[in-house]
Amino acid sequence: MIILGLNAYHADSSAAILVGGKLIAATEEERFRRTKHWAGFPSQAIEFCLKEAGITLDQIDYITIGRDPKAKLGKKMKFLLSDPFAGLKTIRERLSNRKKIASLEHEFANHFGADAAAIKSKIKNIEHHRSHMASAFFPSPFEEAAILSIDGAGDFTTTMIGIGRGNQIKVLDSIDFPVSCGTFYTAFTQWLGFPHYGDEYKVMGLAPYGVARYVDKIKKALIFKDNGLFDWDTRYFKSAREVVVTYGENHVPVVGNLFSDHFEKVFGKPRGKNEELTQDHNDIAASVQRVTEELLIHILSHLQKRTGLKAVCIAGGVAQNSVANGKFIGSTGFEKLYIPSAGHDAGLSMGSALYQYHQMLNRPRTEPVFSAYTGSKFSNEEIEALLTQKGIQYKRLPDSELYDRVVAKLIEPGVVGWFSGRAEFGPRALGARSIIADPRNAKAKDLLNSKIKRRESFRPFAPSILKEYVGEYFEKVEDVPFMEKVFPIKKEKQQFIPAVTHVDGTGRLQTVSKDVSPRYYALIDKFRERTGVPILLNTSFNENEPIVNTPAEALDCFLRTQMDMLVLENCLLERM
């Protein structure tokens, strides 16, 4: 059984392929197009998945897409008809997007020369949030678990709760559009002067610099309900009929302004594009983050009591809030938590395929997924051919010598671009496409932000830590393979790893396992042997662009920034 899953005509377009229920490949289209959050038809990601599986389109049994235009159709129509003349631009945009989804087979015909009729018979539309739920539960290690999907919106739903048992998911309840935790957070993101799609992580990074003194004021925008769900005060947000999400010819998602005039009356004038961040802005960010955490704990605590289960799986854009994720165990009644590497909308491709395989076809579960390495890979020979063609000097070294050279450069101190194995699926670099540095170097954070990443100074860097040493450095011990949780770093250890210790004493860790990431593990272990510290500073290999996908992109990034060393598999380049 071969299933091709898609997220198409939606932000973070992607493709994934299952063979016999096993995930063979999954990747975002942005990695090929080099445009963040690319939102069109993922033709290059599809081509990559077919190549990795060694098959043609003819051999695919089903093509799934994580959107279902028919979902909650009655509620959608009632919503639009309640004021048929308002928001005509919004309605036109949604109908246009729906039309693209409905003609998916023609895209396959145009891009791949496939027979449109044959393709159409294989297409299955899987509701947005059911796809998210499937992406979280079916790859988890749990036979039974509660499930939460929560984001901005999809298929007229913003939040969905349920239970997964074996190879089936049962939906318990949902919240209809437009009431949305994701929209709530994005409205404040925009007000704080971060206007681009996906900027919410900047608010999360800014929050530790503030004091959460506006919690009560901000909380008035939300209504925590006794049933564990929530509503909101409509005065704070623009009418959903006024807000337009456009994609345009360049397929870049643009979200219209979400906050209302009343919002501005309560919180003041929004921060301008080039206006300096004040302590008041920091405090608003801290308060928004705190309220979001309280809301999520409210939802999960009630879900735990309702289901009586001890394990929970979470997906959706809000599941990328790693600060909140780190607080759920111990605060909600749940004892175990699984979040996939692509919890955001890119994961809809994998989730829709898994839903079709397990839920619809009643196929048994396969092995749990703890590896995000489902993307592109390149051999040493391919890399050497590129470097030779460009006249770049390099050395090809065996692993043991390579690790020694890299560790020596890190200690010097130096910054290293690390390109190894298959690229990660999801927004986090996990040691396959990473920039690494010495976490003991107090100056590393400012150096990386100003000279390599060229981004805001308040944004933190992550500690990749050998799995066996988590308890030595962090106050909580959990497996965090996808860098999806933030934990407090022990106070006595913070002085030894200042480059990865955020201003509030926390770190967004990635636990590195020998069986999942053997080369990255070996490199960190060599660093531990030399320094006594089993941690490397890890950030994504990019410079205001999607994470590098190919050796050529990695080389370009190295040459235009101030990295000291570049490792492409076993090929080593040093800046002279």
Protein backbone atom coordinates (compact mmCIF):
# COMPACT_ATOMS: atom_id res chain seq x y z
CA MET A 1 0.00 0.00 0.00
CA ILE A 2 1.52 3.31 -1.12
CA ILE A 3 0.03 6.65 -0.05
CA LEU A 4 1.21 10.10 -1.07
CA GLY A 5 0.18 12.79 1.41
CA LEU A 6 0.03 16.51 0.62
CA ASN A 7 -0.35 19.90 2.18
CA ALA A 8 -1.15 22.10 -0.82
CA TYR A 9 -2.40 25.67 -1.45
CA HIS A 10 -1.75 26.37 2.20
CA ALA A 11 1.21 27.71 4.17
CA ASP A 12 4.12 25.29 4.64
CA SER A 13 3.19 23.23 1.59
CA SER A 14 4.70 19.72 1.79
CA ALA A 15 4.61 16.11 0.64
CA ALA A 16 5.09 12.78 2.41
CA ILE A 17 5.02 9.19 1.22
CA LEU A 18 4.04 6.03 3.11
CA VAL A 19 4.92 2.55 1.90
CA GLY A 20 3.27 -0.19 3.91
CA GLY A 21 2.48 2.36 6.60
CA LYS A 22 6.13 3.37 6.99
CA LEU A 23 7.18 6.96 6.35
CA ILE A 24 9.78 6.80 3.59
CA ALA A 25 10.18 10.51 2.87
CA ALA A 26 8.65 13.83 3.90
CA THR A 27 9.73 17.37 3.14
CA GLU A 28 8.50 20.94 2.78
CA GLU A 29 8.30 22.62 -0.62
CA GLU A 30 10.06 25.68 0.78
CA ARG A 31 13.30 23.70 0.95
CA PHE A 32 13.31 23.52 -2.86
CA ARG A 33 11.69 26.86 -3.72
CA ARG A 34 13.83 28.76 -1.17
CA THR A 35 10.82 30.84 -0.07
CA LYS A 36 9.69 30.57 3.56
CA HIS A 37 6.22 29.11 4.16
CA TRP A 38 5.68 28.54 0.41
CA ALA A 39 1.99 27.80 -0.14
CA GLY A 40 1.35 26.44 -3.63
CA PHE A 41 1.25 22.96 -5.17
CA PRO A 42 4.28 21.04 -3.79
CA SER A 43 5.49 19.63 -7.10
CA GLN A 44 9.18 19.44 -6.17
CA ALA A 45 8.47 17.87 -2.78
CA ILE A 46 6.27 15.28 -4.56
CA GLU A 47 9.02 14.57 -7.08
CA PHE A 48 11.51 14.10 -4.24
CA CYS A 49 9.20 11.69 -2.36
CA LEU A 50 8.58 9.58 -5.49
CA LYS A 51 12.31 9.39 -6.15
CA GLU A 52 13.10 8.40 -2.56
CA ALA A 53 10.48 5.65 -2.66
CA GLY A 54 11.70 4.53 -6.09
CA ILE A 55 8.23 4.60 -7.61
CA THR A 56 6.13 6.41 -10.19
CA LEU A 57 2.75 8.11 -9.76
CA ASP A 58 1.06 5.11 -11.38
CA GLN A 59 2.09 2.93 -8.45
CA ILE A 60 0.42 5.13 -5.82
CA ASP A 61 -2.79 3.75 -4.35
CA TYR A 62 -4.06 6.96 -2.71
CA ILE A 63 -3.25 10.66 -2.73
CA THR A 64 -4.39 12.42 0.43
CA ILE A 65 -4.59 16.13 1.15
CA GLY A 66 -5.03 17.64 4.61
CA ARG A 67 -8.00 19.78 3.62
CA ASP A 68 -11.65 18.90 3.19
CA PRO A 69 -13.81 21.66 1.65
CA LYS A 70 -16.93 19.72 2.67
CA ALA A 71 -16.08 19.68 6.39
CA LYS A 72 -18.61 21.65 8.49
CA LEU A 73 -20.13 22.90 5.26
CA GLY A 74 -23.45 23.80 6.89
CA LYS A 75 -21.73 25.90 9.55
CA LYS A 76 -19.59 27.61 6.91
CA MET A 77 -22.65 28.58 4.87
CA LYS A 78 -24.53 29.80 7.93
CA PHE A 79 -21.52 31.93 8.90
CA LEU A 80 -21.25 33.52 5.44
CA LEU A 81 -25.00 34.04 5.04
CA SER A 82 -25.28 35.79 8.41
CA ASP A 83 -23.90 38.88 6.63
CA PRO A 84 -23.68 38.07 2.90
CA PHE A 85 -22.40 41.51 1.80
CA ALA A 86 -19.57 41.76 4.33
CA GLY A 87 -16.09 40.59 3.50
CA LEU A 88 -16.65 39.83 -0.20
CA LYS A 89 -12.88 39.83 -0.76
CA THR A 90 -12.46 37.23 1.99
CA ILE A 91 -15.16 35.03 0.48
CA ARG A 92 -13.64 35.29 -3.00
CA GLU A 93 -10.21 34.34 -1.67
CA ARG A 94 -11.59 31.27 0.15
CA LEU A 95 -13.61 30.14 -2.84
CA SER A 96 -10.57 30.53 -5.08
CA ASN A 97 -8.49 28.40 -2.72
CA ARG A 98 -11.25 25.79 -2.52
CA LYS A 99 -11.38 25.62 -6.32
CA LYS A 100 -7.64 24.87 -6.46
CA ILE A 101 -8.04 21.99 -4.01
CA ALA A 102 -10.97 20.63 -6.01
CA SER A 103 -8.88 20.55 -9.21
CA LEU A 104 -5.82 18.84 -7.71
CA GLU A 105 -5.78 16.21 -10.45
CA HIS A 106 -5.10 18.88 -13.08
CA GLU A 107 -1.97 19.96 -11.21
CA PHE A 108 -0.69 16.39 -11.44
CA ALA A 109 -1.50 16.37 -15.14
CA ASN A 110 0.32 19.67 -15.70
CA HIS A 111 3.41 18.89 -13.64
CA PHE A 112 3.81 15.15 -14.15
CA GLY A 113 1.91 14.38 -17.35
CA ALA A 114 -0.42 12.11 -15.39
CA ASP A 115 -3.91 11.11 -16.48
CA ALA A 116 -6.21 13.51 -14.59
CA ALA A 117 -9.10 11.06 -14.38
CA ALA A 118 -6.89 8.31 -12.96
CA ILE A 119 -5.44 10.71 -10.38
CA LYS A 120 -8.87 12.02 -9.37
CA SER A 121 -10.03 8.52 -8.45
CA LYS A 122 -7.14 8.23 -5.96
CA ILE A 123 -7.59 11.58 -4.17
CA LYS A 124 -8.93 11.58 -0.62
CA ASN A 125 -9.67 14.78 1.30
CA ILE A 126 -8.91 14.46 5.00
CA GLU A 127 -10.13 17.17 7.36
CA HIS A 128 -7.42 19.59 8.51
CA HIS A 129 -7.52 18.85 12.24
CA ARG A 130 -8.03 15.11 11.83
CA SER A 131 -4.85 15.17 9.77
CA HIS A 132 -3.06 17.03 12.56
CA MET A 133 -4.35 14.54 15.12
CA ALA A 134 -3.20 11.61 12.99
CA SER A 135 0.28 13.17 12.60
CA ALA A 136 0.60 13.25 16.39
CA PHE A 137 -1.05 10.02 17.54
CA PHE A 138 -0.21 7.37 14.94
CA PRO A 139 3.60 7.93 15.05
CA SER A 140 3.54 8.11 18.87
CA PRO A 141 4.64 5.23 21.12
CA PHE A 142 1.23 5.16 22.82
CA GLU A 143 -1.38 2.48 22.25
CA GLU A 144 -3.94 4.83 23.81
CA ALA A 145 -3.75 8.61 24.26
CA ALA A 146 -5.74 11.82 24.42
CA ILE A 147 -5.18 14.13 21.43
CA LEU A 148 -5.26 17.90 21.00
CA SER A 149 -5.02 19.74 17.68
CA ILE A 150 -4.88 23.51 18.02
CA ASP A 151 -3.86 26.27 15.59
CA GLY A 152 -5.18 29.33 13.76
CA ALA A 153 -7.86 27.61 11.70
CA GLY A 154 -8.47 24.88 9.17
CA ASP A 155 -11.71 23.57 7.64
CA PHE A 156 -13.73 25.92 9.88
CA THR A 157 -12.21 24.44 13.05
CA THR A 158 -9.56 25.97 15.31
CA THR A 159 -9.32 23.37 18.09
CA MET A 160 -10.15 19.67 18.18
CA ILE A 161 -9.87 17.16 21.01
CA GLY A 162 -10.15 13.41 20.83
CA ILE A 163 -8.87 9.97 21.81
CA GLY A 164 -6.61 7.64 19.90
CA ARG A 165 -6.84 3.90 20.50
CA GLY A 166 -4.86 1.46 18.40
CA ASN A 167 -5.41 2.42 14.78
CA GLN A 168 -8.49 4.62 15.33
CA ILE A 169 -9.10 8.22 16.37
CA LYS A 170 -12.36 9.41 17.91
CA VAL A 171 -13.18 13.12 17.94
CA LEU A 172 -14.72 14.30 21.21
CA ASP A 173 -15.32 18.00 20.57
CA SER A 174 -14.13 21.02 18.59
CA ILE A 175 -14.21 24.81 18.49
CA ASP A 176 -15.53 26.52 15.39
CA PHE A 177 -13.85 29.32 13.47
CA PRO A 178 -13.17 32.17 14.20
CA VAL A 179 -12.55 31.63 17.95
CA SER A 180 -8.89 30.64 17.95
CA CYS A 181 -5.88 30.41 20.24
CA GLY A 182 -3.62 30.79 17.21
CA THR A 183 -5.41 33.96 16.08
CA PHE A 184 -5.27 35.34 19.63
CA TYR A 185 -1.48 34.88 19.70
CA THR A 186 -1.01 36.18 16.15
CA ALA A 187 -3.02 39.34 16.88
CA PHE A 188 -0.55 40.24 19.63
CA THR A 189 2.34 39.22 17.38
CA GLN A 190 1.17 41.75 14.81
CA TRP A 191 0.56 44.42 17.47
CA LEU A 192 4.13 43.93 18.72
CA GLY A 193 5.43 44.79 15.25
CA PHE A 194 6.10 41.33 13.82
CA PRO A 195 3.85 41.26 10.73
CA HIS A 196 5.03 38.25 8.75
CA TYR A 197 3.41 34.83 8.64
CA GLY A 198 5.12 32.60 11.20
CA ASP A 199 6.53 35.43 13.36
CA GLU A 200 4.87 34.09 16.52
CA TYR A 201 8.11 32.42 17.64
CA LYS A 202 9.61 35.91 18.00
CA VAL A 203 7.05 36.75 20.68
CA MET A 204 7.92 33.49 22.46
CA GLY A 205 11.62 34.47 22.31
CA LEU A 206 10.91 38.01 23.54
CA ALA A 207 8.70 36.93 26.46
CA PRO A 208 11.49 36.01 28.95
CA TYR A 209 12.75 39.61 28.79
CA GLY A 210 9.48 40.87 30.23
CA VAL A 211 7.37 40.68 33.37
CA ALA A 212 3.90 39.17 32.97
CA ARG A 213 2.12 42.15 34.54
CA TYR A 214 -0.67 42.38 31.94
CA VAL A 215 -2.09 38.88 32.42
CA ASP A 216 -5.44 39.99 33.87
CA LYS A 217 -5.85 42.65 31.19
CA ILE A 218 -5.07 40.26 28.33
CA LYS A 219 -7.13 37.44 29.80
CA LYS A 220 -10.26 39.57 29.38
CA ALA A 221 -10.05 38.87 25.64
CA LEU A 222 -10.66 35.16 26.30
CA ILE A 223 -13.39 33.18 28.03
CA PHE A 224 -12.31 29.97 29.76
CA LYS A 225 -15.34 27.65 29.68
CA ASP A 226 -16.29 25.06 32.29
CA ASN A 227 -16.19 22.25 29.71
CA GLY A 228 -12.45 22.74 29.14
CA LEU A 229 -12.82 24.67 25.91
CA PHE A 230 -12.87 28.46 25.37
CA ASP A 231 -14.51 31.41 23.66
CA TRP A 232 -13.44 35.03 23.22
CA ASP A 233 -14.64 38.60 23.44
CA THR A 234 -15.31 39.56 19.82
CA ARG A 235 -14.59 43.24 20.52
CA TYR A 236 -10.83 42.56 20.57
CA PHE A 237 -10.57 41.01 17.11
CA LYS A 238 -11.49 42.10 13.63
CA SER A 239 -14.48 40.34 12.13
CA ALA A 240 -13.39 37.17 10.34
CA ARG A 241 -15.21 38.49 7.27
CA GLU A 242 -12.80 41.43 7.15
CA VAL A 243 -9.58 39.47 7.54
CA VAL A 244 -8.08 38.21 4.29
CA VAL A 245 -5.41 35.51 4.06
CA THR A 246 -3.82 35.84 0.63
CA TYR A 247 -1.13 33.86 -1.14
CA GLY A 248 -0.60 35.80 -4.37
CA GLU A 249 1.45 34.86 -7.38
CA ASN A 250 4.56 34.23 -5.25
CA HIS A 251 2.65 31.76 -3.01
CA VAL A 252 3.74 33.56 0.18
CA PRO A 253 1.01 33.63 2.86
CA VAL A 254 0.00 37.09 4.06
CA VAL A 255 -2.43 37.46 6.97
CA GLY A 256 -4.45 40.66 7.22
CA ASN A 257 -4.55 42.68 10.42
CA LEU A 258 -6.33 40.69 13.15
CA PHE A 259 -6.74 43.16 16.04
CA SER A 260 -9.61 45.63 16.30
CA ASP A 261 -9.96 49.29 17.21
CA HIS A 262 -11.09 48.19 20.68
CA PHE A 263 -7.87 46.16 21.00
CA GLU A 264 -5.90 49.37 20.31
CA LYS A 265 -7.96 51.33 22.83
CA VAL A 266 -7.11 48.75 25.51
CA PHE A 267 -3.43 48.12 24.66
CA GLY A 268 -2.43 51.29 22.88
CA LYS A 269 -0.89 52.06 19.53
CA PRO A 270 0.80 49.07 17.84
CA ARG A 271 4.59 49.09 17.54
CA GLY A 272 5.83 50.44 14.22
CA LYS A 273 8.07 48.47 11.89
CA ASN A 274 11.35 50.17 12.92
CA GLU A 275 10.26 51.32 16.37
CA GLU A 276 12.49 50.23 19.23
CA LEU A 277 11.25 47.45 21.49
CA THR A 278 10.49 48.85 24.95
CA GLN A 279 10.19 47.13 28.30
CA ASP A 280 6.43 47.55 27.96
CA HIS A 281 6.53 45.53 24.72
CA ASN A 282 8.55 42.87 26.54
CA ASP A 283 5.97 42.78 29.32
CA ILE A 284 3.11 42.39 26.84
CA ALA A 285 4.96 39.48 25.21
CA ALA A 286 5.54 37.85 28.60
CA SER A 287 1.87 38.27 29.50
CA VAL A 288 0.57 36.89 26.17
CA GLN A 289 2.82 33.86 26.57
CA ARG A 290 1.61 33.32 30.15
CA VAL A 291 -2.08 33.58 29.18
CA THR A 292 -1.54 31.15 26.29
CA GLU A 293 0.08 28.67 28.66
CA GLU A 294 -2.83 29.03 31.09
CA LEU A 295 -5.32 28.43 28.28
CA LEU A 296 -3.52 25.31 27.04
CA ILE A 297 -3.21 23.93 30.58
CA HIS A 298 -6.94 24.63 31.04
CA ILE A 299 -7.78 22.63 27.89
CA LEU A 300 -5.40 19.76 28.66
CA SER A 301 -6.35 19.46 32.34
CA HIS A 302 -10.02 19.04 31.43
CA LEU A 303 -9.12 16.65 28.61
CA GLN A 304 -7.15 14.49 31.05
CA LYS A 305 -10.03 14.39 33.52
CA ARG A 306 -12.52 13.66 30.76
CA THR A 307 -10.52 10.77 29.29
CA GLY A 308 -8.70 9.49 32.38
CA LEU A 309 -5.67 8.86 30.17
CA LYS A 310 -2.06 9.53 31.15
CA ALA A 311 -0.60 10.12 27.67
CA VAL A 312 -1.37 12.99 25.31
CA CYS A 313 -0.41 13.83 21.72
CA ILE A 314 -0.48 17.43 20.47
CA ALA A 315 -0.26 18.97 16.99
CA GLY A 316 -1.18 22.16 15.15
CA GLY A 317 0.64 25.48 14.90
CA VAL A 318 0.20 26.22 18.61
CA ALA A 319 2.01 22.93 19.34
CA GLN A 320 5.17 24.70 18.13
CA ASN A 321 5.09 26.80 21.32
CA SER A 322 7.94 24.93 22.98
CA VAL A 323 7.87 27.08 26.12
CA ALA A 324 4.29 26.02 26.82
CA ASN A 325 5.01 22.40 25.88
CA GLY A 326 7.66 22.17 28.57
CA LYS A 327 5.09 22.90 31.28
CA PHE A 328 2.37 20.37 30.46
CA ILE A 329 3.76 17.34 32.30
CA GLY A 330 3.19 18.07 35.96
CA SER A 331 0.55 20.75 35.31
CA THR A 332 -2.24 18.90 33.52
CA GLY A 333 -2.45 15.39 34.97
CA PHE A 334 -0.80 13.92 31.89
CA GLU A 335 2.43 12.00 32.46
CA LYS A 336 3.58 11.42 28.88
CA LEU A 337 3.60 13.74 25.85
CA TYR A 338 4.35 13.25 22.15
CA ILE A 339 4.59 16.08 19.62
CA PRO A 340 5.72 15.30 16.04
CA SER A 341 8.69 17.01 14.40
CA ALA A 342 6.32 18.80 12.00
CA GLY A 343 3.49 19.76 14.32
CA HIS A 344 2.69 22.76 12.13
CA ASP A 345 0.83 22.64 8.82
CA ALA A 346 3.66 20.93 6.93
CA GLY A 347 2.74 17.88 9.01
CA LEU A 348 -0.68 17.70 7.33
CA SER A 349 0.89 15.75 4.45
CA MET A 350 2.12 13.01 6.76
CA GLY A 351 -1.00 13.17 8.93
CA SER A 352 -3.49 12.87 6.08
CA ALA A 353 -1.62 9.86 4.70
CA LEU A 354 -1.53 8.19 8.13
CA TYR A 355 -5.25 8.89 8.66
CA GLN A 356 -6.09 7.20 5.37
CA TYR A 357 -3.86 4.22 6.12
CA HIS A 358 -4.97 3.56 9.69
CA GLN A 359 -8.39 5.16 10.20
CA MET A 360 -9.93 4.60 6.78
CA LEU A 361 -8.21 1.40 5.66
CA ASN A 362 -8.00 -0.10 9.16
CA ARG A 363 -4.33 -1.02 8.77
CA PRO A 364 -2.28 -1.79 11.91
CA ARG A 365 0.09 0.71 13.53
CA THR A 366 3.77 0.60 12.66
CA GLU A 367 6.88 1.50 14.71
CA PRO A 368 6.80 4.83 16.58
CA VAL A 369 8.68 7.72 14.96
CA PHE A 370 11.53 9.42 16.84
CA SER A 371 13.52 10.50 13.80
CA ALA A 372 12.79 13.60 11.72
CA TYR A 373 15.40 12.70 9.09
CA THR A 374 13.16 12.16 6.07
CA GLY A 375 14.51 14.83 3.70
CA SER A 376 17.28 15.21 1.14
CA LYS A 377 20.67 13.47 1.39
CA PHE A 378 23.87 13.61 -0.65
CA SER A 379 26.89 11.35 -0.98
CA ASN A 380 30.51 12.39 -0.46
CA GLU A 381 31.07 11.82 -4.17
CA GLU A 382 28.29 14.25 -5.12
CA ILE A 383 29.70 16.83 -2.72
CA GLU A 384 33.27 16.40 -4.00
CA ALA A 385 32.07 16.88 -7.57
CA LEU A 386 30.43 20.19 -6.56
CA LEU A 387 33.50 21.46 -4.70
CA THR A 388 35.85 20.46 -7.52
CA GLN A 389 33.68 22.15 -10.12
CA LYS A 390 33.70 25.37 -8.06
CA GLY A 391 37.43 25.18 -7.39
CA ILE A 392 36.95 25.02 -3.62
CA GLN A 393 39.77 23.55 -1.50
CA TYR A 394 38.67 20.85 0.94
CA LYS A 395 39.78 17.73 2.74
CA ARG A 396 37.85 14.47 2.90
CA LEU A 397 38.39 12.92 6.31
CA PRO A 398 37.24 9.75 8.08
CA ASP A 399 34.71 10.34 10.86
CA SER A 400 37.16 10.03 13.78
CA GLU A 401 39.58 12.62 12.34
CA LEU A 402 36.69 14.83 11.23
CA TYR A 403 35.19 14.96 14.74
CA ASP A 404 38.58 15.87 16.22
CA ARG A 405 39.03 18.74 13.77
CA VAL A 406 35.49 20.08 14.29
CA VAL A 407 35.73 19.95 18.08
CA ALA A 408 39.09 21.72 18.00
CA LYS A 409 37.56 24.48 15.88
CA LEU A 410 34.56 24.82 18.23
CA ILE A 411 36.85 25.15 21.26
CA GLU A 412 39.04 27.73 19.49
CA PRO A 413 36.25 29.23 19.53
CA GLY A 414 34.78 28.90 16.07
CA VAL A 415 31.40 28.52 14.37
CA VAL A 416 30.78 25.46 12.19
CA GLY A 417 28.22 24.70 9.51
CA TRP A 418 27.26 21.02 9.89
CA PHE A 419 25.59 19.24 6.93
CA SER A 420 25.12 15.53 7.60
CA GLY A 421 22.71 12.82 6.47
CA ARG A 422 19.07 13.38 5.59
CA ALA A 423 17.47 16.78 6.17
CA GLU A 424 14.93 17.19 8.94
CA PHE A 425 11.15 17.34 8.40
CA GLY A 426 9.83 20.32 10.33
CA PRO A 427 11.02 23.77 11.38
CA ARG A 428 13.82 22.65 13.71
CA ALA A 429 17.41 21.85 12.76
CA LEU A 430 18.27 18.66 14.64
CA GLY A 431 21.91 18.06 13.73
CA ALA A 432 21.47 17.36 10.03
CA ARG A 433 21.36 20.95 8.76
CA SER A 434 22.76 22.87 11.75
CA ILE A 435 25.13 25.66 12.63
CA ILE A 436 26.97 24.67 15.81
CA ALA A 437 29.12 26.44 18.39
CA ASP A 438 30.60 26.02 21.88
CA PRO A 439 27.81 26.51 24.45
CA ARG A 440 30.42 27.65 27.01
CA ASN A 441 31.28 30.73 24.95
CA ALA A 442 29.31 33.64 26.39
CA LYS A 443 29.91 35.68 23.22
CA ALA A 444 28.62 32.99 20.83
CA LYS A 445 24.97 34.13 20.98
CA ASP A 446 25.66 37.73 19.97
CA LEU A 447 28.18 36.63 17.34
CA LEU A 448 25.71 34.26 15.70
CA ASN A 449 22.81 36.71 15.80
CA SER A 450 24.76 39.64 14.36
CA LYS A 451 27.26 38.10 11.92
CA ILE A 452 25.68 34.87 10.71
CA LYS A 453 21.94 34.66 11.36
CA ARG A 454 21.42 38.45 11.02
CA ARG A 455 18.36 38.46 13.24
CA GLU A 456 16.98 40.03 16.43
CA SER A 457 19.40 39.98 19.37
CA PHE A 458 16.81 38.63 21.81
CA ARG A 459 16.33 35.32 20.03
CA PRO A 460 17.92 32.32 21.78
CA PHE A 461 19.89 29.29 20.61
CA ALA A 462 19.22 25.69 21.51
CA PRO A 463 21.27 23.14 23.44
CA SER A 464 21.65 19.73 21.79
CA ILE A 465 22.42 17.42 24.71
CA LEU A 466 23.33 13.73 24.85
CA LYS A 467 20.25 11.91 26.10
CA GLU A 468 22.04 10.32 29.06
CA TYR A 469 23.05 13.67 30.57
CA VAL A 470 19.72 15.52 30.61
CA GLY A 471 19.26 15.04 34.37
CA GLU A 472 22.67 16.62 35.04
CA TYR A 473 21.78 19.89 33.35
CA PHE A 474 17.98 20.24 33.31
CA GLU A 475 15.40 20.29 36.09
CA LYS A 476 13.12 17.97 34.10
CA VAL A 477 14.07 14.71 32.42
CA GLU A 478 12.09 13.80 29.32
CA ASP A 479 12.90 12.64 25.81
CA VAL A 480 12.79 15.70 23.55
CA PRO A 481 13.93 14.38 20.16
CA PHE A 482 12.41 17.19 18.09
CA MET A 483 13.46 20.21 20.21
CA GLU A 484 9.79 20.73 21.04
CA LYS A 485 10.03 21.61 24.74
CA VAL A 486 11.74 24.26 26.87
CA PHE A 487 12.93 23.26 30.35
CA PRO A 488 14.64 25.15 33.20
CA ILE A 489 18.41 24.63 33.28
CA LYS A 490 19.77 23.85 36.74
CA LYS A 491 21.04 27.05 38.33
CA GLU A 492 24.43 25.61 39.13
CA LYS A 493 24.93 24.65 35.47
CA GLN A 494 23.83 27.89 33.80
CA GLN A 495 27.23 29.57 34.21
CA PHE A 496 28.90 26.72 32.30
CA ILE A 497 26.64 26.94 29.23
CA PRO A 498 25.76 30.66 28.91
CA ALA A 499 25.37 30.58 25.11
CA VAL A 500 22.35 28.24 25.32
CA THR A 501 20.86 29.54 28.58
CA HIS A 502 18.04 31.97 27.89
CA VAL A 503 17.66 35.11 30.00
CA ASP A 504 15.10 33.33 32.22
CA GLY A 505 17.39 30.35 32.88
CA THR A 506 15.73 27.97 30.41
CA GLY A 507 16.79 26.13 27.28
CA ARG A 508 14.93 24.63 24.30
CA LEU A 509 16.69 21.32 24.35
CA GLN A 510 17.07 18.53 21.85
CA THR A 511 17.89 15.17 23.41
CA VAL A 512 20.32 13.40 21.08
CA SER A 513 20.12 9.61 20.91
CA LYS A 514 22.89 7.36 19.55
CA ASP A 515 20.48 5.14 17.60
CA VAL A 516 18.57 8.06 15.98
CA SER A 517 21.45 10.51 15.29
CA PRO A 518 24.69 8.45 15.36
CA ARG A 519 27.04 11.00 13.75
CA TYR A 520 25.68 14.01 15.64
CA TYR A 521 25.82 11.99 18.86
CA ALA A 522 29.44 11.00 18.17
CA LEU A 523 30.40 14.65 17.52
CA ILE A 524 28.81 15.87 20.77
CA ASP A 525 30.40 12.97 22.64
CA LYS A 526 33.84 13.95 21.28
CA PHE A 527 33.17 17.52 22.48
CA ARG A 528 32.24 16.06 25.90
CA GLU A 529 35.51 14.11 26.05
CA ARG A 530 37.50 17.30 25.42
CA THR A 531 35.49 19.73 27.58
CA GLY A 532 33.39 17.74 30.05
CA VAL A 533 30.23 19.32 28.59
CA PRO A 534 27.87 16.94 26.67
CA ILE A 535 26.15 19.81 24.83
CA LEU A 536 26.55 21.79 21.61
CA LEU A 537 24.88 25.07 20.69
CA ASN A 538 22.61 24.28 17.74
CA THR A 539 20.76 26.60 15.39
CA SER A 540 19.32 26.11 11.92
CA PHE A 541 21.69 26.23 8.95
CA ASN A 542 20.31 29.31 7.17
CA GLU A 543 20.47 33.08 7.00
CA ASN A 544 16.94 34.55 6.80
CA GLU A 545 15.90 31.83 4.35
CA PRO A 546 14.56 28.27 4.57
CA ILE A 547 17.02 25.80 6.10
CA VAL A 548 19.63 24.76 3.52
CA ASN A 549 18.65 21.68 1.56
CA THR A 550 21.64 20.99 -0.69
CA PRO A 551 25.44 21.16 -0.44
CA ALA A 552 25.42 24.09 -2.89
CA GLU A 553 23.07 26.08 -0.61
CA ALA A 554 25.19 25.22 2.43
CA LEU A 555 28.33 26.37 0.60
CA ASP A 556 26.68 29.64 -0.46
CA CYS A 557 25.57 30.34 3.13
CA PHE A 558 29.07 29.58 4.41
CA LEU A 559 30.73 31.88 1.89
CA ARG A 560 28.46 34.89 2.51
CA THR A 561 28.56 34.69 6.32
CA GLN A 562 31.38 34.54 8.87
CA MET A 563 31.31 30.84 9.73
CA ASP A 564 34.80 29.46 10.37
CA MET A 565 34.34 25.91 9.10
CA LEU A 566 31.96 23.97 6.88
CA VAL A 567 31.39 20.21 7.06
CA LEU A 568 29.59 18.58 4.13
CA GLU A 569 29.35 14.92 5.13
CA ASN A 570 33.09 13.99 5.33
CA CYS A 571 34.32 16.98 3.32
CA LEU A 572 35.80 19.74 5.45
CA LEU A 573 36.35 23.37 4.42
CA GLU A 574 38.07 25.99 6.56
CA ARG A 575 38.07 29.73 6.10
CA MET A 576 41.63 30.84 5.55
